[in-house]
Each structure stands twice: as structure tokens, then as C-alpha cells.
């Protein structure tokens, strides 16, 4: 059943307009280390015949990629654009607001010209993931703007001294938006408190279950994994500030007979070094997305060791859907709308509960695996993209 808050603010569903087109103003590059929501939705729209473009976040990395590969890349149904960054973000706090705004508008006008050159995007629907785009919108040719709020907004802030600037940008984005899509009710509540009249839909994250199952089936066990004789508790994802490193240390000490394996990029803060002497903890670094299913397939239990802070409690982790797509038992700390996963995951409120859930998960039979796979199929990116298109069409 639809939550009452969602039913109250979401427009009536209708068939997607035939002329609908999406331009995603992303928070990451197209080739980000982790294949995330924005790219997955863009590819799902394109696969269903809906024209879609992906505009990389205007960062230094995007600028370098543009110098090497050009401003626009046309793929099968998807145009990927690389705008010039305004200037290094570390300068923003020291700049006069009028100067920063002028530079931003100049970059936005240049992006408009690139959009015009790369396809027919006048009247498209903009999917805005980061508040950093707020001041770009006035120069861009969009019929509707949807704020795709998928995390606590603090994840977009590159350093604490810019928190005020990003808060102002988010408020401007909410004021400009014609609708908002969120991945969790807590995010909807935050937006609704600031603009009660804004149509809001809860469209959670998802997975490409066919991709995961096919790659897991045909890929050999990765050579850098522990031997099959060792049971594995595994994690795939970004090892950033929302990871509960104390919980990892507690679990590794409490369960020395298990291997704890982490696959994904870290934020360079050196937290992994505290496990240098731990014999049962391995950090393998980032892996290409098409290799990830083989790692998940080798895990006996998958887990999500997030901190219980604003970021963790607002998260709807993609990785949970990926774990469930392969029928794996999942243990997690509390995340947003955790009840939406039903009995498919176990949630530990304390380190001791997490450890006990891991022990229990290791002993379960294969019976629940198909139910987990079925849950993941219902949450496919194709289904999420369709729901998104219906919401956008209802905005007019």
C-alpha cells in the first residue's frame, strides 16, 4: 500500500507521454567506480525507447575527461555530456557570490549550446541529483525539473566550509522544482517541510537482476578471494564516511573463523590501515561493475555496516538489491525505510546483534533464496524507470 504521505503528494498516474525525454544532471561521472542509480535509470529509459542524456557533474575529473574524449559522447540511445567545471570547489567559499554566479551562468550557457548540438533536448525533463546544479537551471531548456533526492544532501558537500552554500543551493532547487523523487520517506519529509505543495514520489533504488545473475553464472570465482574452505562475509560499495569502522573491527574480532572481504573504492582517509594486522579482513579495492557479481556470488553472507548517522539512516543502498538479486542472506545496520525489505534482510541495532545475525545467516537453508531473487526482480531498474516516467508524465 502506498504510504499516506506519498499518496497525498504524488500526482495521479498516467501513461508516459510519447514525447518525454530525460536529461540527468548527475552527481558523478558516467564511468564512476560504482554503477549507480542515475546511470542505471538513464540506460533503462534508453532501452525502453525514451531519449535520455546524462550530464556529468561539473568537476575537475569531468574537465580532464572532456580534454581527452571531447564534450559529448553518443552511445546506444544515450548522450553523455561533459561540461566544463566552473572552477575548483576549494575556491568557492572565498569567492564573491556574484562572481561565482556569473561564472556558473557562463558554464550553463555553454552547456546549453552543447545540448543543442548533441540532440533535441528543448522541453526535456531534467533529473537533478545534486544541488550544485541549482544555479545552472535558468540557462537550460527544460520543460520540467525533478529533484532526484537519493541521499542526505550532506553527501554532496565536498568540504565543511561549503555546507552553507550547498544548503542555499538545495533550497533554490526545491523552490524551482516541479516535483521531487526520493528514495526514502525521511527525505520526503525533509522536502515537504520546506515546500508542502511539491508533488513527491518515493521511487527507491533497484538492480538489473538479469545482469547480475548472468554475470555471476558465467564468471569464475575471483582469484583474489579467500579459498572456498573459508566462509566469507562480504561488502560491495564505497568505503566512505558512512561506513561504521568500529563495527567492522568488532565483528572481525568476534568472528575470527570468518573472512571479511570488502570490494570498492575508499575515500583516502586511511581507515583500512587499522586492519593491517587483522588476518581475516581484506580490502580488494574497486572492481569493474561487470566483475562485481562474481564477488557477491562468492560471499556466504552479505552485509551493510553503515553508521547510524543522518547519511546512513537516509540511505536506500543499491547494494542490498544487488545482494538479493543473487539470493544472498543480508545483514544490515538500520537504513532508511528498512521495513520495505521485509523479511529479506536481518537488521542489527547493536554490534552484538549484527554478529548474532551473521551467525544465524550462515546456518540458514537455501529456501529463502528464491524469495529474495523475486523481491529483487520486482525492484528492477526497468520497473523504477517506468514509475519515474509515469510520475514525470503526471506533472504535465
Protein backbone atom coordinates (compact mmCIF):
# COMPACT_ATOMS: atom_id res chain seq x y z
CA UNK A 1 0.00 0.00 0.00
CA UNK A 2 1.27 3.50 -0.81
CA UNK A 3 2.30 5.47 2.29
CA UNK A 4 -0.27 8.16 3.12
CA UNK A 5 2.30 10.92 2.75
CA UNK A 6 3.18 9.71 -0.73
CA UNK A 7 -0.43 9.31 -1.79
CA UNK A 8 -1.17 12.85 -0.67
CA UNK A 9 1.52 14.50 -2.78
CA UNK A 10 2.00 12.27 -5.79
CA UNK A 11 0.10 13.23 -8.98
CA UNK A 12 -2.33 10.74 -10.44
CA UNK A 13 -0.53 8.15 -12.58
CA UNK A 14 -0.98 8.18 -16.33
CA UNK A 15 0.73 6.62 -19.29
CA UNK A 16 4.09 8.26 -20.05
CA UNK A 17 3.96 10.93 -22.74
CA UNK A 18 5.29 9.71 -26.03
CA UNK A 19 7.41 12.84 -26.42
CA UNK A 20 9.02 12.62 -22.98
CA UNK A 21 12.80 12.96 -22.83
CA UNK A 22 15.08 12.91 -19.82
CA UNK A 23 18.30 14.80 -19.15
CA UNK A 24 20.00 13.65 -15.94
CA UNK A 25 22.17 16.29 -14.27
CA UNK A 26 24.29 13.83 -12.34
CA UNK A 27 26.36 13.90 -9.15
CA UNK A 28 29.08 11.63 -10.56
CA UNK A 29 30.82 10.88 -13.87
CA UNK A 30 29.34 8.36 -16.29
CA UNK A 31 32.24 5.97 -15.62
CA UNK A 32 32.08 6.26 -11.85
CA UNK A 33 33.69 3.43 -9.90
CA UNK A 34 30.27 2.24 -8.76
CA UNK A 35 27.48 1.93 -11.29
CA UNK A 36 24.73 3.87 -9.55
CA UNK A 37 21.12 4.96 -9.83
CA UNK A 38 21.46 7.84 -12.28
CA UNK A 39 23.29 5.84 -14.93
CA UNK A 40 21.06 2.80 -14.39
CA UNK A 41 17.88 4.83 -14.88
CA UNK A 42 19.33 6.60 -17.92
CA UNK A 43 20.19 3.27 -19.54
CA UNK A 44 16.77 1.83 -18.64
CA UNK A 45 14.97 4.76 -20.28
CA UNK A 46 17.11 4.45 -23.39
CA UNK A 47 16.48 0.70 -23.57
CA UNK A 48 12.72 1.34 -23.49
CA UNK A 49 12.95 3.85 -26.34
CA UNK A 50 12.83 7.03 -24.24
CA UNK A 51 15.53 9.53 -25.34
CA UNK A 52 17.93 10.13 -22.46
CA UNK A 53 21.06 12.18 -21.81
CA UNK A 54 23.50 12.06 -18.91
CA UNK A 55 25.37 15.24 -17.95
CA UNK A 56 28.39 14.53 -15.79
CA UNK A 57 28.91 16.51 -12.60
CA UNK A 58 30.94 19.67 -13.47
CA UNK A 59 34.12 18.58 -11.69
CA UNK A 60 37.84 18.63 -12.37
CA UNK A 61 37.64 14.98 -13.42
CA UNK A 62 34.91 15.82 -15.93
CA UNK A 63 37.06 18.65 -17.32
CA UNK A 64 40.01 16.29 -17.80
CA UNK A 65 37.79 13.70 -19.49
CA UNK A 66 36.49 16.42 -21.80
CA UNK A 67 40.01 17.36 -22.84
CA UNK A 68 40.76 13.72 -23.64
CA UNK A 69 37.47 12.46 -25.07
CA UNK A 70 35.51 15.54 -26.06
CA UNK A 71 32.42 17.33 -24.83
CA UNK A 72 29.81 14.80 -25.93
CA UNK A 73 29.69 11.06 -26.49
CA UNK A 74 26.75 9.46 -28.20
CA UNK A 75 26.09 5.87 -27.17
CA UNK A 76 23.21 3.50 -27.93
CA UNK A 77 20.26 5.74 -27.07
CA UNK A 78 22.25 7.81 -24.55
CA UNK A 79 24.17 11.06 -24.97
CA UNK A 80 26.86 11.68 -22.34
CA UNK A 81 27.91 15.31 -21.94
CA UNK A 82 30.93 16.65 -20.07
CA UNK A 83 30.55 20.32 -19.06
CA UNK A 84 33.49 22.47 -18.08
CA UNK A 85 33.72 22.90 -14.30
CA UNK A 86 33.08 26.41 -13.01
CA UNK A 87 36.36 26.47 -11.06
CA UNK A 88 37.92 24.30 -8.33
CA UNK A 89 35.43 23.86 -5.49
CA UNK A 90 38.06 24.80 -2.92
CA UNK A 91 37.83 28.37 -4.25
CA UNK A 92 34.06 28.73 -3.92
CA UNK A 93 33.98 29.74 -0.25
CA UNK A 94 36.44 32.60 -0.91
CA UNK A 95 34.66 33.97 -3.98
CA UNK A 96 32.10 36.78 -4.04
CA UNK A 97 28.66 35.23 -4.61
CA UNK A 98 28.02 37.44 -7.64
CA UNK A 99 31.30 36.34 -9.23
CA UNK A 100 30.59 32.65 -8.63
CA UNK A 101 27.08 33.07 -10.04
CA UNK A 102 28.41 34.82 -13.15
CA UNK A 103 30.92 32.04 -13.81
CA UNK A 104 28.24 29.40 -13.25
CA UNK A 105 25.82 31.03 -15.68
CA UNK A 106 28.57 31.23 -18.30
CA UNK A 107 29.20 27.50 -17.97
CA UNK A 108 25.46 26.84 -18.10
CA UNK A 109 25.10 28.74 -21.36
CA UNK A 110 27.96 26.72 -22.84
CA UNK A 111 26.23 23.51 -21.71
CA UNK A 112 23.04 24.74 -23.39
CA UNK A 113 24.91 25.08 -26.66
CA UNK A 114 26.29 21.56 -26.28
CA UNK A 115 22.83 20.17 -25.60
CA UNK A 116 21.54 21.91 -28.73
CA UNK A 117 24.40 20.46 -30.79
CA UNK A 118 24.02 16.94 -29.44
CA UNK A 119 20.27 16.39 -29.80
CA UNK A 120 16.77 17.78 -29.44
CA UNK A 121 16.60 18.47 -25.70
CA UNK A 122 14.39 21.57 -25.65
CA UNK A 123 11.40 20.77 -23.45
CA UNK A 124 13.04 17.74 -21.86
CA UNK A 125 12.56 16.77 -18.20
CA UNK A 126 15.62 17.48 -16.08
CA UNK A 127 16.50 14.96 -13.37
CA UNK A 128 18.65 16.93 -10.92
CA UNK A 129 20.62 14.80 -8.47
CA UNK A 130 22.88 17.37 -6.78
CA UNK A 131 22.15 20.90 -5.52
CA UNK A 132 25.30 22.02 -7.35
CA UNK A 133 23.12 22.35 -10.48
CA UNK A 134 20.65 24.84 -8.96
CA UNK A 135 22.20 27.95 -10.49
CA UNK A 136 22.60 26.28 -13.91
CA UNK A 137 18.91 25.67 -14.47
CA UNK A 138 17.87 29.18 -15.54
CA UNK A 139 20.02 28.89 -18.68
CA UNK A 140 18.93 25.37 -19.63
CA UNK A 141 15.99 24.41 -21.88
CA UNK A 142 13.92 22.16 -19.62
CA UNK A 143 10.13 21.93 -19.52
CA UNK A 144 10.08 20.31 -16.08
CA UNK A 145 12.61 19.90 -13.29
CA UNK A 146 12.54 16.93 -10.90
CA UNK A 147 14.78 16.88 -7.84
CA UNK A 148 16.04 13.29 -7.52
CA UNK A 149 16.90 13.29 -3.82
CA UNK A 150 18.64 9.97 -3.23
CA UNK A 151 20.80 10.65 -0.16
CA UNK A 152 21.11 13.05 2.72
CA UNK A 153 22.22 16.28 0.96
CA UNK A 154 25.41 16.41 3.02
CA UNK A 155 26.95 13.69 0.82
CA UNK A 156 27.27 16.24 -1.98
CA UNK A 157 29.27 18.76 0.10
CA UNK A 158 32.98 18.44 -0.73
CA UNK A 159 34.19 20.17 2.47
CA UNK A 160 32.51 21.53 5.64
CA UNK A 161 33.05 25.21 4.82
CA UNK A 162 30.78 24.82 1.77
CA UNK A 163 27.85 23.37 3.74
CA UNK A 164 26.03 26.72 3.84
CA UNK A 165 26.42 27.27 0.11
CA UNK A 166 25.06 23.80 -0.71
CA UNK A 167 22.15 24.30 1.70
CA UNK A 168 21.23 27.50 -0.14
CA UNK A 169 21.51 25.73 -3.49
CA UNK A 170 19.29 22.89 -2.30
CA UNK A 171 16.66 25.36 -1.12
CA UNK A 172 16.77 27.09 -4.52
CA UNK A 173 16.43 23.71 -6.25
CA UNK A 174 13.39 22.79 -4.15
CA UNK A 175 11.82 26.15 -4.96
CA UNK A 176 12.44 25.67 -8.69
CA UNK A 177 11.42 22.01 -8.93
CA UNK A 178 8.12 20.87 -10.42
CA UNK A 179 8.35 17.62 -8.50
CA UNK A 180 10.68 15.53 -6.37
CA UNK A 181 11.53 11.86 -6.35
CA UNK A 182 13.06 10.42 -3.20
CA UNK A 183 14.41 7.04 -2.23
CA UNK A 184 13.21 7.20 1.39
CA UNK A 185 10.34 8.69 3.38
CA UNK A 186 12.73 10.62 5.63
CA UNK A 187 13.97 12.53 2.56
CA UNK A 188 10.37 13.22 1.50
CA UNK A 189 9.58 14.60 4.96
CA UNK A 190 12.53 16.97 4.81
CA UNK A 191 11.47 18.37 1.43
CA UNK A 192 7.78 18.51 2.38
CA UNK A 193 8.59 20.57 5.47
CA UNK A 194 10.12 23.23 3.24
CA UNK A 195 7.61 23.09 0.38
CA UNK A 196 4.36 21.35 1.27
CA UNK A 197 2.80 21.78 -2.18
CA UNK A 198 5.54 19.99 -4.14
CA UNK A 199 4.48 16.66 -5.72
CA UNK A 200 6.70 13.91 -4.31
CA UNK A 201 7.07 10.25 -5.25
CA UNK A 202 9.01 7.57 -3.40
CA UNK A 203 10.87 5.56 -6.04
CA UNK A 204 13.56 3.50 -4.36
CA UNK A 205 16.78 2.16 -5.78
CA UNK A 206 16.96 -1.06 -7.72
CA UNK A 207 19.06 -3.56 -9.62
CA UNK A 208 19.41 -5.16 -13.03
CA UNK A 209 18.72 -8.74 -11.86
CA UNK A 210 19.35 -10.31 -15.26
CA UNK A 211 22.77 -8.64 -15.47
CA UNK A 212 23.74 -9.82 -12.00
CA UNK A 213 22.57 -13.38 -12.42
CA UNK A 214 24.07 -13.81 -15.89
CA UNK A 215 27.49 -12.47 -14.90
CA UNK A 216 27.53 -14.47 -11.68
CA UNK A 217 26.70 -17.66 -13.58
CA UNK A 218 29.38 -17.34 -16.22
CA UNK A 219 32.21 -15.80 -14.19
CA UNK A 220 34.80 -17.91 -12.36
CA UNK A 221 35.45 -17.35 -8.70
CA UNK A 222 37.81 -14.34 -8.42
CA UNK A 223 41.38 -15.37 -7.81
CA UNK A 224 41.89 -12.76 -5.07
CA UNK A 225 39.12 -14.18 -2.89
CA UNK A 226 39.82 -16.44 0.11
CA UNK A 227 39.72 -20.18 -0.66
CA UNK A 228 36.28 -21.85 -0.74
CA UNK A 229 37.08 -23.58 2.52
CA UNK A 230 36.81 -20.21 4.29
CA UNK A 231 33.35 -18.70 4.86
CA UNK A 232 33.03 -15.10 3.76
CA UNK A 233 31.13 -12.05 4.97
CA UNK A 234 31.28 -9.60 2.08
CA UNK A 235 30.57 -5.98 1.25
CA UNK A 236 30.49 -4.25 -2.13
CA UNK A 237 30.33 -0.47 -2.27
CA UNK A 238 32.03 2.80 -1.43
CA UNK A 239 34.07 2.78 1.76
CA UNK A 240 33.32 6.40 2.59
CA UNK A 241 32.41 8.35 5.72
CA UNK A 242 29.15 6.46 6.27
CA UNK A 243 30.96 3.16 6.98
CA UNK A 244 30.99 2.03 10.63
CA UNK A 245 34.64 1.06 11.02
CA UNK A 246 34.24 0.27 14.71
CA UNK A 247 31.52 -2.24 13.86
CA UNK A 248 33.79 -3.90 11.30
CA UNK A 249 36.54 -4.20 13.88
CA UNK A 250 34.12 -5.62 16.46
CA UNK A 251 32.71 -8.20 14.06
CA UNK A 252 36.12 -9.30 12.78
CA UNK A 253 37.32 -9.90 16.33
CA UNK A 254 34.13 -11.65 17.40
CA UNK A 255 34.16 -13.96 14.36
CA UNK A 256 37.83 -14.85 13.74
CA UNK A 257 36.82 -18.01 11.88
CA UNK A 258 35.26 -15.90 9.09
CA UNK A 259 36.81 -13.80 6.34
CA UNK A 260 35.57 -10.22 5.94
CA UNK A 261 36.03 -9.04 2.35
CA UNK A 262 35.43 -5.50 1.04
CA UNK A 263 35.19 -4.64 -2.64
CA UNK A 264 35.02 -0.97 -3.61
CA UNK A 265 36.82 2.38 -3.56
CA UNK A 266 37.73 4.19 -0.36
CA UNK A 267 37.84 7.91 0.39
CA UNK A 268 41.58 8.03 1.01
CA UNK A 269 41.28 8.68 4.74
CA UNK A 270 43.29 5.58 5.61
CA UNK A 271 40.69 3.85 7.77
CA UNK A 272 41.58 0.48 6.28
CA UNK A 273 45.07 0.74 7.75
CA UNK A 274 43.70 -0.02 11.20
CA UNK A 275 43.14 -3.60 9.95
CA UNK A 276 46.68 -4.12 8.67
CA UNK A 277 47.36 -6.78 11.31
CA UNK A 278 43.94 -8.44 11.07
CA UNK A 279 44.29 -11.81 9.40
CA UNK A 280 40.61 -12.14 8.48
CA UNK A 281 39.95 -8.71 6.88
CA UNK A 282 40.71 -8.00 3.21
CA UNK A 283 40.27 -4.79 1.21
CA UNK A 284 40.38 -5.57 -2.50
CA UNK A 285 39.73 -2.09 -3.87
CA UNK A 286 37.45 -1.13 -6.73
CA UNK A 287 36.42 -3.59 -9.39
CA UNK A 288 34.66 -3.09 -12.72
CA UNK A 289 30.88 -3.36 -12.43
CA UNK A 290 30.70 -6.47 -14.61
CA UNK A 291 33.08 -8.23 -12.21
CA UNK A 292 31.08 -7.41 -9.07
CA UNK A 293 28.52 -10.24 -9.41
CA UNK A 294 31.29 -12.85 -9.22
CA UNK A 295 32.43 -11.42 -5.90
CA UNK A 296 28.91 -11.29 -4.48
CA UNK A 297 28.34 -14.87 -5.65
CA UNK A 298 31.38 -15.96 -3.59
CA UNK A 299 30.06 -14.34 -0.38
CA UNK A 300 28.30 -16.57 2.15
CA UNK A 301 26.69 -13.59 3.87
CA UNK A 302 26.46 -10.02 2.57
CA UNK A 303 26.30 -7.07 4.89
CA UNK A 304 25.84 -3.30 5.10
CA UNK A 305 27.87 -1.91 8.04
CA UNK A 306 26.65 1.71 7.96
CA UNK A 307 26.91 4.24 10.74
CA UNK A 308 23.67 5.26 12.41
CA UNK A 309 24.01 8.91 11.42
CA UNK A 310 21.98 11.16 9.09
CA UNK A 311 23.59 9.71 5.99
CA UNK A 312 23.19 6.08 6.97
CA UNK A 313 19.62 6.47 8.20
CA UNK A 314 18.60 8.20 4.94
CA UNK A 315 20.23 5.60 2.67
CA UNK A 316 18.44 3.11 0.45
CA UNK A 317 21.53 1.12 -0.53
CA UNK A 318 21.75 -0.20 -4.09
CA UNK A 319 23.97 -2.96 -2.79
CA UNK A 320 21.10 -4.56 -0.86
CA UNK A 321 19.15 -5.04 -4.09
CA UNK A 322 22.28 -6.44 -5.75
CA UNK A 323 22.82 -8.91 -2.90
CA UNK A 324 19.19 -10.03 -3.02
CA UNK A 325 19.33 -10.45 -6.82
CA UNK A 326 21.67 -13.40 -6.18
CA UNK A 327 19.55 -14.73 -3.31
CA UNK A 328 22.18 -13.97 -0.68
CA UNK A 329 21.40 -13.62 3.03
CA UNK A 330 21.84 -9.96 4.05
CA UNK A 331 22.66 -8.44 7.42
CA UNK A 332 22.44 -4.65 7.81
CA UNK A 333 22.53 -1.87 10.31
CA UNK A 334 19.37 0.31 10.23
CA UNK A 335 18.91 2.15 6.92
CA UNK A 336 16.01 4.23 5.61
CA UNK A 337 12.60 2.54 5.36
CA UNK A 338 14.18 -0.75 6.38
CA UNK A 339 10.72 -2.30 6.66
CA UNK A 340 10.41 -2.04 2.87
CA UNK A 341 12.79 -5.02 2.62
CA UNK A 342 10.50 -7.12 4.82
CA UNK A 343 11.95 -10.42 5.97
CA UNK A 344 14.55 -10.44 3.20
CA UNK A 345 17.22 -8.83 5.37
CA UNK A 346 18.23 -9.06 9.02
CA UNK A 347 18.78 -5.77 10.88
CA UNK A 348 21.09 -5.44 13.86
CA UNK A 349 20.72 -2.44 16.16
CA UNK A 350 23.95 -3.12 18.07
CA UNK A 351 27.30 -4.68 17.15
CA UNK A 352 26.38 -7.78 19.19
CA UNK A 353 23.09 -8.13 17.26
CA UNK A 354 24.88 -7.77 13.93
CA UNK A 355 27.31 -10.54 14.89
CA UNK A 356 24.47 -12.81 16.01
CA UNK A 357 22.59 -12.18 12.77
CA UNK A 358 25.69 -13.15 10.80
CA UNK A 359 25.96 -16.41 12.75
CA UNK A 360 22.30 -17.22 12.11
CA UNK A 361 22.54 -16.31 8.42
CA UNK A 362 25.45 -18.69 7.94
CA UNK A 363 23.31 -21.59 9.16
CA UNK A 364 20.18 -20.97 7.09
CA UNK A 365 19.00 -23.24 4.32
CA UNK A 366 18.64 -22.20 0.67
CA UNK A 367 14.85 -21.96 0.99
CA UNK A 368 14.61 -18.13 1.26
CA UNK A 369 16.93 -17.52 -1.70
CA UNK A 370 14.23 -17.59 -4.39
CA UNK A 371 12.03 -15.19 -2.41
CA UNK A 372 14.95 -12.76 -2.28
CA UNK A 373 15.53 -13.06 -6.01
CA UNK A 374 11.84 -12.44 -6.64
CA UNK A 375 11.95 -9.30 -4.49
CA UNK A 376 14.92 -8.02 -6.50
CA UNK A 377 13.16 -8.70 -9.80
CA UNK A 378 10.22 -6.57 -8.66
CA UNK A 379 12.68 -3.76 -7.93
CA UNK A 380 14.42 -3.81 -11.29
CA UNK A 381 15.75 -0.59 -12.79
CA UNK A 382 13.32 -1.15 -15.65
CA UNK A 383 10.40 -1.00 -13.20
CA UNK A 384 11.86 2.04 -11.45
CA UNK A 385 12.36 3.83 -14.79
CA UNK A 386 8.74 3.14 -15.76
CA UNK A 387 7.47 4.51 -12.43
CA UNK A 388 9.66 7.58 -12.92
CA UNK A 389 8.30 8.17 -16.42
CA UNK A 390 4.73 7.91 -15.13
CA UNK A 391 5.46 10.45 -12.39
CA UNK A 392 7.08 12.85 -14.86
CA UNK A 393 4.13 12.50 -17.26
CA UNK A 394 1.68 13.28 -14.46
CA UNK A 395 3.45 16.61 -13.86
CA UNK A 396 2.31 17.70 -17.35
